[in-house]
Structures are given as C-alpha cells and as structure tokens.
PDB file of N, CA and C in Angstrom:
ATOM      1  N   MET A   1     -64.279   5.699  14.560  1.00  0.00           N
ATOM      2  CA  MET A   1     -63.067   6.487  14.628  1.00  0.00           C
ATOM      3  C   MET A   1     -62.611   6.736  13.208  1.00  0.00           C
ATOM      4  N   PRO A   2     -62.207   7.982  12.888  1.00  0.00           N
ATOM      5  CA  PRO A   2     -61.782   8.304  11.539  1.00  0.00           C
ATOM      6  C   PRO A   2     -60.427   7.651  11.203  1.00  0.00           C
ATOM      7  N   LYS A   3     -60.276   7.310   9.957  1.00  0.00           N
ATOM      8  CA  LYS A   3     -59.049   6.691   9.467  1.00  0.00           C
ATOM      9  C   LYS A   3     -58.008   7.775   9.198  1.00  0.00           C
ATOM     10  N   SER A   4     -56.732   7.524   9.587  1.00  0.00           N
ATOM     11  CA  SER A   4     -55.687   8.505   9.383  1.00  0.00           C
ATOM     12  C   SER A   4     -55.288   8.573   7.914  1.00  0.00           C
ATOM     13  N   LYS A   5     -54.783   9.709   7.528  1.00  0.00           N
ATOM     14  CA  LYS A   5     -54.375   9.868   6.121  1.00  0.00           C
ATOM     15  C   LYS A   5     -53.104   9.107   5.847  1.00  0.00           C
ATOM     16  N   LEU A   6     -52.997   8.521   4.671  1.00  0.00           N
ATOM     17  CA  LEU A   6     -51.796   7.804   4.248  1.00  0.00           C
ATOM     18  C   LEU A   6     -50.787   8.784   3.672  1.00  0.00           C
ATOM     19  N   ARG A   7     -49.547   8.616   4.030  1.00  0.00           N
ATOM     20  CA  ARG A   7     -48.500   9.473   3.504  1.00  0.00           C
ATOM     21  C   ARG A   7     -47.951   8.859   2.244  1.00  0.00           C
ATOM     22  N   LYS A   8     -47.607   9.760   1.330  1.00  0.00           N
ATOM     23  CA  LYS A   8     -46.997   9.292   0.096  1.00  0.00           C
ATOM     24  C   LYS A   8     -45.489   9.261   0.316  1.00  0.00           C
ATOM     25  N   LYS A   9     -44.872   8.120  -0.074  1.00  0.00           N
ATOM     26  CA  LYS A   9     -43.433   7.970   0.103  1.00  0.00           C
ATOM     27  C   LYS A   9     -42.711   8.538  -1.101  1.00  0.00           C
ATOM     28  N   ASP A  10     -41.621   9.247  -0.845  1.00  0.00           N
ATOM     29  CA  ASP A  10     -40.795   9.765  -1.924  1.00  0.00           C
ATOM     30  C   ASP A  10     -39.961   8.620  -2.517  1.00  0.00           C
ATOM     31  N   LYS A  11     -39.973   8.553  -3.806  1.00  0.00           N
ATOM     32  CA  LYS A  11     -39.136   7.550  -4.473  1.00  0.00           C
ATOM     33  C   LYS A  11     -37.772   8.190  -4.700  1.00  0.00           C
ATOM     34  N   SER A  12     -36.821   7.783  -3.883  1.00  0.00           N
ATOM     35  CA  SER A  12     -35.493   8.340  -4.004  1.00  0.00           C
ATOM     36  C   SER A  12     -34.682   7.572  -5.052  1.00  0.00           C
ATOM     37  N   VAL A  13     -33.770   8.301  -5.671  1.00  0.00           N
ATOM     38  CA  VAL A  13     -32.937   7.713  -6.709  1.00  0.00           C
ATOM     39  C   VAL A  13     -31.651   7.200  -6.038  1.00  0.00           C
ATOM     40  N   VAL A  14     -31.361   5.930  -6.274  1.00  0.00           N
ATOM     41  CA  VAL A  14     -30.164   5.314  -5.704  1.00  0.00           C
ATOM     42  C   VAL A  14     -29.070   5.397  -6.775  1.00  0.00           C
ATOM     43  N   PRO A  15     -27.881   5.942  -6.420  1.00  0.00           N
ATOM     44  CA  PRO A  15     -26.802   6.048  -7.407  1.00  0.00           C
ATOM     45  C   PRO A  15     -26.404   4.668  -7.971  1.00  0.00           C
ATOM     46  N   ALA A  16     -25.927   4.680  -9.190  1.00  0.00           N
ATOM     47  CA  ALA A  16     -25.581   3.447  -9.861  1.00  0.00           C
ATOM     48  C   ALA A  16     -24.419   2.725  -9.222  1.00  0.00           C
ATOM     49  N   GLU A  17     -23.476   3.487  -8.626  1.00  0.00           N
ATOM     50  CA  GLU A  17     -22.332   2.802  -7.999  1.00  0.00           C
ATOM     51  C   GLU A  17     -22.736   2.045  -6.736  1.00  0.00           C
ATOM     52  N   ILE A  18     -23.859   2.374  -6.138  1.00  0.00           N
ATOM     53  CA  ILE A  18     -24.355   1.596  -5.000  1.00  0.00           C
ATOM     54  C   ILE A  18     -25.080   0.348  -5.479  1.00  0.00           C
ATOM     55  N   LEU A  19     -25.864   0.505  -6.540  1.00  0.00           N
ATOM     56  CA  LEU A  19     -26.583  -0.640  -7.064  1.00  0.00           C
ATOM     57  C   LEU A  19     -25.664  -1.683  -7.699  1.00  0.00           C
ATOM     58  N   HIS A  20     -24.667  -1.190  -8.425  1.00  0.00           N
ATOM     59  CA  HIS A  20     -23.713  -2.062  -9.126  1.00  0.00           C
ATOM     60  C   HIS A  20     -22.294  -1.678  -8.751  1.00  0.00           C
ATOM     61  N   PRO A  21     -21.808  -2.144  -7.582  1.00  0.00           N
ATOM     62  CA  PRO A  21     -20.464  -1.743  -7.157  1.00  0.00           C
ATOM     63  C   PRO A  21     -19.407  -2.333  -8.085  1.00  0.00           C
ATOM     64  N   VAL A  22     -18.276  -1.605  -8.169  1.00  0.00           N
ATOM     65  CA  VAL A  22     -17.169  -2.020  -9.016  1.00  0.00           C
ATOM     66  C   VAL A  22     -16.471  -3.194  -8.325  1.00  0.00           C
ATOM     67  N   ALA A  23     -16.283  -4.263  -9.046  1.00  0.00           N
ATOM     68  CA  ALA A  23     -15.657  -5.441  -8.484  1.00  0.00           C
ATOM     69  C   ALA A  23     -14.164  -5.244  -8.356  1.00  0.00           C
ATOM     70  N   LEU A  24     -13.630  -5.393  -7.151  1.00  0.00           N
ATOM     71  CA  LEU A  24     -12.195  -5.300  -6.909  1.00  0.00           C
ATOM     72  C   LEU A  24     -11.542  -6.640  -7.174  1.00  0.00           C
ATOM     73  N   PRO A  25     -10.279  -6.616  -7.550  1.00  0.00           N
ATOM     74  CA  PRO A  25      -9.625  -7.907  -7.761  1.00  0.00           C
ATOM     75  C   PRO A  25      -9.552  -8.692  -6.460  1.00  0.00           C
ATOM     76  N   THR A  26      -9.838  -9.964  -6.530  1.00  0.00           N
ATOM     77  CA  THR A  26      -9.877 -10.770  -5.312  1.00  0.00           C
ATOM     78  C   THR A  26      -8.504 -11.351  -4.947  1.00  0.00           C
ATOM     79  N   GLU A  27      -7.542 -11.225  -5.843  1.00  0.00           N
ATOM     80  CA  GLU A  27      -6.264 -11.834  -5.597  1.00  0.00           C
ATOM     81  C   GLU A  27      -5.156 -10.888  -6.087  1.00  0.00           C
ATOM     82  N   SER A  28      -4.037 -10.907  -5.422  1.00  0.00           N
ATOM     83  CA  SER A  28      -2.901 -10.102  -5.817  1.00  0.00           C
ATOM     84  C   SER A  28      -2.195 -10.718  -7.027  1.00  0.00           C
ATOM     85  N   PRO A  29      -1.499  -9.865  -7.788  1.00  0.00           N
ATOM     86  CA  PRO A  29      -0.667 -10.420  -8.850  1.00  0.00           C
ATOM     87  C   PRO A  29       0.445 -11.307  -8.257  1.00  0.00           C
ATOM     88  N   ARG A  30       0.918 -12.240  -9.033  1.00  0.00           N
ATOM     89  CA  ARG A  30       1.918 -13.188  -8.512  1.00  0.00           C
ATOM     90  C   ARG A  30       3.244 -12.520  -8.199  1.00  0.00           C
ATOM     91  N   TRP A  31       3.574 -11.437  -8.864  1.00  0.00           N
ATOM     92  CA  TRP A  31       4.873 -10.795  -8.678  1.00  0.00           C
ATOM     93  C   TRP A  31       4.914  -9.909  -7.427  1.00  0.00           C
ATOM     94  N   LEU A  32       3.768  -9.586  -6.852  1.00  0.00           N
ATOM     95  CA  LEU A  32       3.726  -8.566  -5.801  1.00  0.00           C
ATOM     96  C   LEU A  32       4.433  -9.037  -4.511  1.00  0.00           C
ATOM     97  N   ALA A  33       4.162 -10.208  -4.040  1.00  0.00           N
ATOM     98  CA  ALA A  33       4.743 -10.648  -2.783  1.00  0.00           C
ATOM     99  C   ALA A  33       6.253 -10.818  -2.879  1.00  0.00           C
ATOM    100  N   PRO A  34       6.821 -11.405  -3.948  1.00  0.00           N
ATOM    101  CA  PRO A  34       8.289 -11.509  -4.004  1.00  0.00           C
ATOM    102  C   PRO A  34       8.967 -10.133  -4.089  1.00  0.00           C
ATOM    103  N   VAL A  35       8.363  -9.207  -4.841  1.00  0.00           N
ATOM    104  CA  VAL A  35       8.971  -7.859  -4.959  1.00  0.00           C
ATOM    105  C   VAL A  35       8.869  -7.128  -3.638  1.00  0.00           C
ATOM    106  N   MET A  36       7.759  -7.290  -2.899  1.00  0.00           N
ATOM    107  CA  MET A  36       7.585  -6.663  -1.618  1.00  0.00           C
ATOM    108  C   MET A  36       8.647  -7.163  -0.624  1.00  0.00           C
ATOM    109  N   VAL A  37       8.804  -8.464  -0.541  1.00  0.00           N
ATOM    110  CA  VAL A  37       9.799  -9.055   0.389  1.00  0.00           C
ATOM    111  C   VAL A  37      11.212  -8.654  -0.030  1.00  0.00           C
ATOM    112  N   ALA A  38      11.462  -8.605  -1.335  1.00  0.00           N
ATOM    113  CA  ALA A  38      12.786  -8.203  -1.826  1.00  0.00           C
ATOM    114  C   ALA A  38      13.070  -6.750  -1.436  1.00  0.00           C
ATOM    115  N   GLY A  39      12.078  -5.896  -1.525  1.00  0.00           N
ATOM    116  CA  GLY A  39      12.292  -4.496  -1.120  1.00  0.00           C
ATOM    117  C   GLY A  39      12.645  -4.379   0.353  1.00  0.00           C
ATOM    118  N   PHE A  40      11.939  -5.160   1.199  1.00  0.00           N
ATOM    119  CA  PHE A  40      12.266  -5.129   2.642  1.00  0.00           C
ATOM    120  C   PHE A  40      13.687  -5.635   2.865  1.00  0.00           C
ATOM    121  N   LEU A  41      14.055  -6.737   2.243  1.00  0.00           N
ATOM    122  CA  LEU A  41      15.348  -7.357   2.513  1.00  0.00           C
ATOM    123  C   LEU A  41      16.512  -6.512   1.951  1.00  0.00           C
ATOM    124  N   ILE A  42      16.330  -5.988   0.726  1.00  0.00           N
ATOM    125  CA  ILE A  42      17.377  -5.149   0.178  1.00  0.00           C
ATOM    126  C   ILE A  42      17.607  -3.898   0.999  1.00  0.00           C
ATOM    127  N   GLY A  43      16.496  -3.275   1.433  1.00  0.00           N
ATOM    128  CA  GLY A  43      16.649  -2.084   2.286  1.00  0.00           C
ATOM    129  C   GLY A  43      17.314  -2.388   3.590  1.00  0.00           C
ATOM    130  N   LEU A  44      16.933  -3.498   4.214  1.00  0.00           N
ATOM    131  CA  LEU A  44      17.562  -3.891   5.479  1.00  0.00           C
ATOM    132  C   LEU A  44      19.034  -4.182   5.281  1.00  0.00           C
ATOM    133  N   ALA A  45      19.368  -4.938   4.243  1.00  0.00           N
ATOM    134  CA  ALA A  45      20.775  -5.264   3.982  1.00  0.00           C
ATOM    135  C   ALA A  45      21.583  -4.013   3.672  1.00  0.00           C
ATOM    136  N   TRP A  46      20.985  -3.059   2.944  1.00  0.00           N
ATOM    137  CA  TRP A  46      21.674  -1.825   2.602  1.00  0.00           C
ATOM    138  C   TRP A  46      22.044  -1.055   3.874  1.00  0.00           C
ATOM    139  N   ILE A  47      21.113  -0.958   4.807  1.00  0.00           N
ATOM    140  CA  ILE A  47      21.347  -0.226   6.043  1.00  0.00           C
ATOM    141  C   ILE A  47      22.350  -0.949   6.933  1.00  0.00           C
ATOM    142  N   VAL A  48      22.263  -2.277   6.997  1.00  0.00           N
ATOM    143  CA  VAL A  48      23.206  -3.066   7.810  1.00  0.00           C
ATOM    144  C   VAL A  48      24.625  -2.929   7.265  1.00  0.00           C
ATOM    145  N   VAL A  49      24.753  -3.010   5.936  1.00  0.00           N
ATOM    146  CA  VAL A  49      26.105  -2.855   5.330  1.00  0.00           C
ATOM    147  C   VAL A  49      26.630  -1.448   5.596  1.00  0.00           C
ATOM    148  N   PHE A  50      25.768  -0.447   5.567  1.00  0.00           N
ATOM    149  CA  PHE A  50      26.190   0.919   5.845  1.00  0.00           C
ATOM    150  C   PHE A  50      26.747   1.068   7.243  1.00  0.00           C
ATOM    151  N   TYR A  51      26.071   0.457   8.238  1.00  0.00           N
ATOM    152  CA  TYR A  51      26.547   0.564   9.612  1.00  0.00           C
ATOM    153  C   TYR A  51      27.766  -0.306   9.873  1.00  0.00           C
ATOM    154  N   VAL A  52      27.792  -1.515   9.330  1.00  0.00           N
ATOM    155  CA  VAL A  52      28.910  -2.431   9.618  1.00  0.00           C
ATOM    156  C   VAL A  52      30.190  -1.940   8.987  1.00  0.00           C
ATOM    157  N   SER A  53      30.095  -1.282   7.828  1.00  0.00           N
ATOM    158  CA  SER A  53      31.301  -0.814   7.154  1.00  0.00           C
ATOM    159  C   SER A  53      31.723   0.570   7.642  1.00  0.00           C
ATOM    160  N   THR A  54      31.210   0.999   8.756  1.00  0.00           N
ATOM    161  CA  THR A  54      31.479   2.351   9.322  1.00  0.00           C
ATOM    162  C   THR A  54      31.295   3.443   8.298  1.00  0.00           C
ATOM    163  N   THR A  55      30.140   3.407   7.655  1.00  0.00           N
ATOM    164  CA  THR A  55      29.644   4.439   6.698  1.00  0.00           C
ATOM    165  C   THR A  55      30.495   4.577   5.440  1.00  0.00           C
ATOM    166  N   ASN A  56      31.237   3.526   5.036  1.00  0.00           N
ATOM    167  CA  ASN A  56      32.007   3.574   3.808  1.00  0.00           C
ATOM    168  C   ASN A  56      31.297   2.955   2.604  1.00  0.00           C
ATOM    169  N   TYR A  57      30.495   1.969   2.844  1.00  0.00           N
ATOM    170  CA  TYR A  57      29.814   1.240   1.785  1.00  0.00           C
ATOM    171  C   TYR A  57      28.320   1.354   1.984  1.00  0.00           C
ATOM    172  N   PRO A  58      27.452   0.980   1.139  1.00  0.00           N
ATOM    173  CA  PRO A  58      27.473   0.370  -0.170  1.00  0.00           C
ATOM    174  C   PRO A  58      27.934   1.338  -1.263  1.00  0.00           C
ATOM    175  N   ILE A  59      27.666   2.633  -1.152  1.00  0.00           N
ATOM    176  CA  ILE A  59      28.160   3.582  -2.158  1.00  0.00           C
ATOM    177  C   ILE A  59      29.070   4.566  -1.425  1.00  0.00           C
ATOM    178  N   PRO A  60      30.370   4.440  -1.631  1.00  0.00           N
ATOM    179  CA  PRO A  60      31.273   5.347  -0.909  1.00  0.00           C
ATOM    180  C   PRO A  60      31.140   6.767  -1.448  1.00  0.00           C
ATOM    181  N   GLY A  61      31.266   7.721  -0.550  1.00  0.00           N
ATOM    182  CA  GLY A  61      31.279   9.116  -0.970  1.00  0.00           C
ATOM    183  C   GLY A  61      29.955   9.844  -0.824  1.00  0.00           C
ATOM    184  N   ILE A  62      28.850   9.130  -0.624  1.00  0.00           N
ATOM    185  CA  ILE A  62      27.589   9.868  -0.479  1.00  0.00           C
ATOM    186  C   ILE A  62      27.162   9.937   0.992  1.00  0.00           C
ATOM    187  N   GLY A  63      27.893   9.301   1.847  1.00  0.00           N
ATOM    188  CA  GLY A  63      27.661   9.426   3.290  1.00  0.00           C
ATOM    189  C   GLY A  63      26.312   8.910   3.740  1.00  0.00           C
ATOM    190  N   ALA A  64      25.594   9.760   4.459  1.00  0.00           N
ATOM    191  CA  ALA A  64      24.320   9.358   5.056  1.00  0.00           C
ATOM    192  C   ALA A  64      23.207   9.179   4.057  1.00  0.00           C
ATOM    193  N   TRP A  65      23.423   9.558   2.841  1.00  0.00           N
ATOM    194  CA  TRP A  65      22.382   9.317   1.797  1.00  0.00           C
ATOM    195  C   TRP A  65      22.181   7.825   1.569  1.00  0.00           C
ATOM    196  N   ASN A  66      23.167   7.001   2.014  1.00  0.00           N
ATOM    197  CA  ASN A  66      22.965   5.553   1.953  1.00  0.00           C
ATOM    198  C   ASN A  66      21.773   5.134   2.802  1.00  0.00           C
ATOM    199  N   MET A  67      21.560   5.827   3.912  1.00  0.00           N
ATOM    200  CA  MET A  67      20.407   5.552   4.777  1.00  0.00           C
ATOM    201  C   MET A  67      19.111   5.865   4.028  1.00  0.00           C
ATOM    202  N   VAL A  68      19.091   6.937   3.294  1.00  0.00           N
ATOM    203  CA  VAL A  68      17.905   7.323   2.520  1.00  0.00           C
ATOM    204  C   VAL A  68      17.578   6.253   1.476  1.00  0.00           C
ATOM    205  N   ILE A  69      18.613   5.756   0.824  1.00  0.00           N
ATOM    206  CA  ILE A  69      18.435   4.707  -0.200  1.00  0.00           C
ATOM    207  C   ILE A  69      17.882   3.450   0.440  1.00  0.00           C
ATOM    208  N   GLY A  70      18.427   3.054   1.598  1.00  0.00           N
ATOM    209  CA  GLY A  70      17.936   1.879   2.306  1.00  0.00           C
ATOM    210  C   GLY A  70      16.482   2.017   2.735  1.00  0.00           C
ATOM    211  N   PHE A  71      16.147   3.167   3.255  1.00  0.00           N
ATOM    212  CA  PHE A  71      14.768   3.390   3.671  1.00  0.00           C
ATOM    213  C   PHE A  71      13.820   3.530   2.475  1.00  0.00           C
ATOM    214  N   ALA A  72      14.351   3.959   1.331  1.00  0.00           N
ATOM    215  CA  ALA A  72      13.504   4.025   0.122  1.00  0.00           C
ATOM    216  C   ALA A  72      13.131   2.615  -0.307  1.00  0.00           C
ATOM    217  N   PHE A  73      14.059   1.659  -0.257  1.00  0.00           N
ATOM    218  CA  PHE A  73      13.716   0.278  -0.582  1.00  0.00           C
ATOM    219  C   PHE A  73      12.662  -0.264   0.392  1.00  0.00           C
ATOM    220  N   ILE A  74      12.811   0.040   1.664  1.00  0.00           N
ATOM    221  CA  ILE A  74      11.855  -0.415   2.643  1.00  0.00           C
ATOM    222  C   ILE A  74      10.502   0.256   2.409  1.00  0.00           C
ATOM    223  N   GLY A  75      10.521   1.506   2.010  1.00  0.00           N
ATOM    224  CA  GLY A  75       9.258   2.221   1.689  1.00  0.00           C
ATOM    225  C   GLY A  75       8.554   1.600   0.510  1.00  0.00           C
ATOM    226  N   VAL A  76       9.318   1.160  -0.490  1.00  0.00           N
ATOM    227  CA  VAL A  76       8.718   0.471  -1.631  1.00  0.00           C
ATOM    228  C   VAL A  76       8.051  -0.835  -1.163  1.00  0.00           C
ATOM    229  N   GLY A  77       8.707  -1.534  -0.260  1.00  0.00           N
ATOM    230  CA  GLY A  77       8.137  -2.757   0.291  1.00  0.00           C
ATOM    231  C   GLY A  77       6.816  -2.484   1.046  1.00  0.00           C
ATOM    232  N   PHE A  78       6.785  -1.414   1.835  1.00  0.00           N
ATOM    233  CA  PHE A  78       5.567  -1.082   2.541  1.00  0.00           C
ATOM    234  C   PHE A  78       4.450  -0.624   1.610  1.00  0.00           C
ATOM    235  N   SER A  79       4.807   0.120   0.579  1.00  0.00           N
ATOM    236  CA  SER A  79       3.757   0.558  -0.373  1.00  0.00           C
ATOM    237  C   SER A  79       3.152  -0.639  -1.112  1.00  0.00           C
ATOM    238  N   LEU A  80       3.972  -1.633  -1.415  1.00  0.00           N
ATOM    239  CA  LEU A  80       3.442  -2.826  -2.046  1.00  0.00           C
ATOM    240  C   LEU A  80       2.640  -3.680  -1.065  1.00  0.00           C
ATOM    241  N   ALA A  81       3.011  -3.608   0.233  1.00  0.00           N
ATOM    242  CA  ALA A  81       2.260  -4.355   1.222  1.00  0.00           C
ATOM    243  C   ALA A  81       0.845  -3.839   1.356  1.00  0.00           C
ATOM    244  N   MET A  82       0.626  -2.556   1.072  1.00  0.00           N
ATOM    245  CA  MET A  82      -0.706  -1.992   1.128  1.00  0.00           C
ATOM    246  C   MET A  82      -1.615  -2.527  -0.002  1.00  0.00           C
ATOM    247  N   LYS A  83      -1.018  -2.975  -1.080  1.00  0.00           N
ATOM    248  CA  LYS A  83      -1.794  -3.481  -2.231  1.00  0.00           C
ATOM    249  C   LYS A  83      -1.986  -4.989  -2.179  1.00  0.00           C
ATOM    250  N   TRP A  84      -1.368  -5.637  -1.235  1.00  0.00           N
ATOM    251  CA  TRP A  84      -1.415  -7.095  -1.183  1.00  0.00           C
ATOM    252  C   TRP A  84      -2.743  -7.563  -0.600  1.00  0.00           C
ATOM    253  N   ARG A  85      -3.369  -8.538  -1.242  1.00  0.00           N
ATOM    254  CA  ARG A  85      -4.643  -9.084  -0.784  1.00  0.00           C
ATOM    255  C   ARG A  85      -4.454 -10.570  -0.442  1.00  0.00           C
TER     256      ARG A  85
END
C-alpha cells in the first residue's frame, strides 16, 4: 500500500503579548479600601442628612443638587471598588 504524503505545517507567529503577558499588580494599594468605604459612607450620610433635614442641609440653597453630590460620592466608592483586588 502506498504511503500518504506528509503535510508541511505552517509555522505561525505568536504575538509577544501572548508569550510574555504583562504582569498585573497582585495586591491593591493600602489607601484604596479606606477611601472606597469613606466614599460610600460620606455619600450615604449626605443623602440621609438631605432627607432628614427636609431638603435644607447639607448645603442650603442648592436643593436637589445635594442628591447629585451624595450619589457622586457613592459613585467614587463604586469606581474604586472596581479596582480593588
């Protein structure tokens, strides 16, 4: 019986980033967790004070923008939570 022909394999080029992946930091900076929790708590306290004071405080005169400020602090906390390892 005749022998089948051998196929030549293409030598493909593997990108360098697959061969040598970039090392990610294995640990978060020490300041990240306290700042993240502080953002959550400050935002929550800001919104609670806004509702309890019948929309007069924390900054009188800006009205519902106090809610935006409170949610901005909470948003900072969530954005830092995404970076936490």
